């Protein structure tokens, strides 16, 4: 029995910005639907960085 395999598409590289983009902690909290205080806690624990 012969199996046919579909070709796999290669991922298209996306251009990246040379500088890191930043948002305010308040904007991030609103986007993630959490409090500004929680964002501060995540930063203090090293989960996210400023």
Protein backbone atom coordinates (compact mmCIF):
# COMPACT_ATOMS: atom_id res chain seq x y z
CA UNK A 1 0.00 0.00 0.00
CA UNK A 2 1.32 3.46 -0.91
CA UNK A 3 0.85 6.42 1.44
CA UNK A 4 0.62 9.95 0.18
CA UNK A 5 1.99 12.73 2.33
CA UNK A 6 1.00 16.34 1.84
CA UNK A 7 3.89 18.80 1.58
CA UNK A 8 4.53 20.87 4.69
CA UNK A 9 4.46 24.64 4.28
CA UNK A 10 7.50 26.50 5.52
CA UNK A 11 6.85 29.29 8.05
CA UNK A 12 7.20 32.81 6.71
CA UNK A 13 9.66 34.85 8.79
CA UNK A 14 8.21 38.10 10.08
CA UNK A 15 10.36 41.19 10.36
CA UNK A 16 11.01 42.21 13.95
CA UNK A 17 11.45 45.64 15.33
CA UNK A 18 15.00 46.54 16.28
CA UNK A 19 13.89 48.12 19.55
CA UNK A 20 11.69 46.51 22.16
CA UNK A 21 8.21 47.94 22.31
CA UNK A 22 6.88 48.98 25.69
CA UNK A 23 3.44 49.60 27.10
CA UNK A 24 2.41 51.05 30.42
CA UNK A 25 1.61 48.70 33.28
CA UNK A 26 -1.94 50.05 33.32
CA UNK A 27 -2.42 49.32 29.61
CA UNK A 28 -1.00 45.82 30.08
CA UNK A 29 -3.28 45.18 33.05
CA UNK A 30 -6.30 46.31 31.06
CA UNK A 31 -5.30 44.12 28.09
CA UNK A 32 -4.84 41.07 30.33
CA UNK A 33 -8.00 41.91 32.31
CA UNK A 34 -6.23 42.06 35.66
CA UNK A 35 -5.21 44.75 38.14
CA UNK A 36 -2.21 47.08 37.98
CA UNK A 37 -1.17 45.69 41.36
CA UNK A 38 -1.02 42.16 39.93
CA UNK A 39 1.23 43.38 37.10
CA UNK A 40 3.53 44.87 39.76
CA UNK A 41 3.58 41.54 41.58
CA UNK A 42 4.47 39.67 38.38
CA UNK A 43 7.29 42.12 37.76
CA UNK A 44 8.61 41.74 41.31
CA UNK A 45 8.61 37.93 40.93
CA UNK A 46 10.53 38.13 37.66
CA UNK A 47 7.71 36.68 35.55
CA UNK A 48 7.69 39.79 33.36
CA UNK A 49 10.24 42.55 33.07
CA UNK A 50 9.93 46.26 32.56
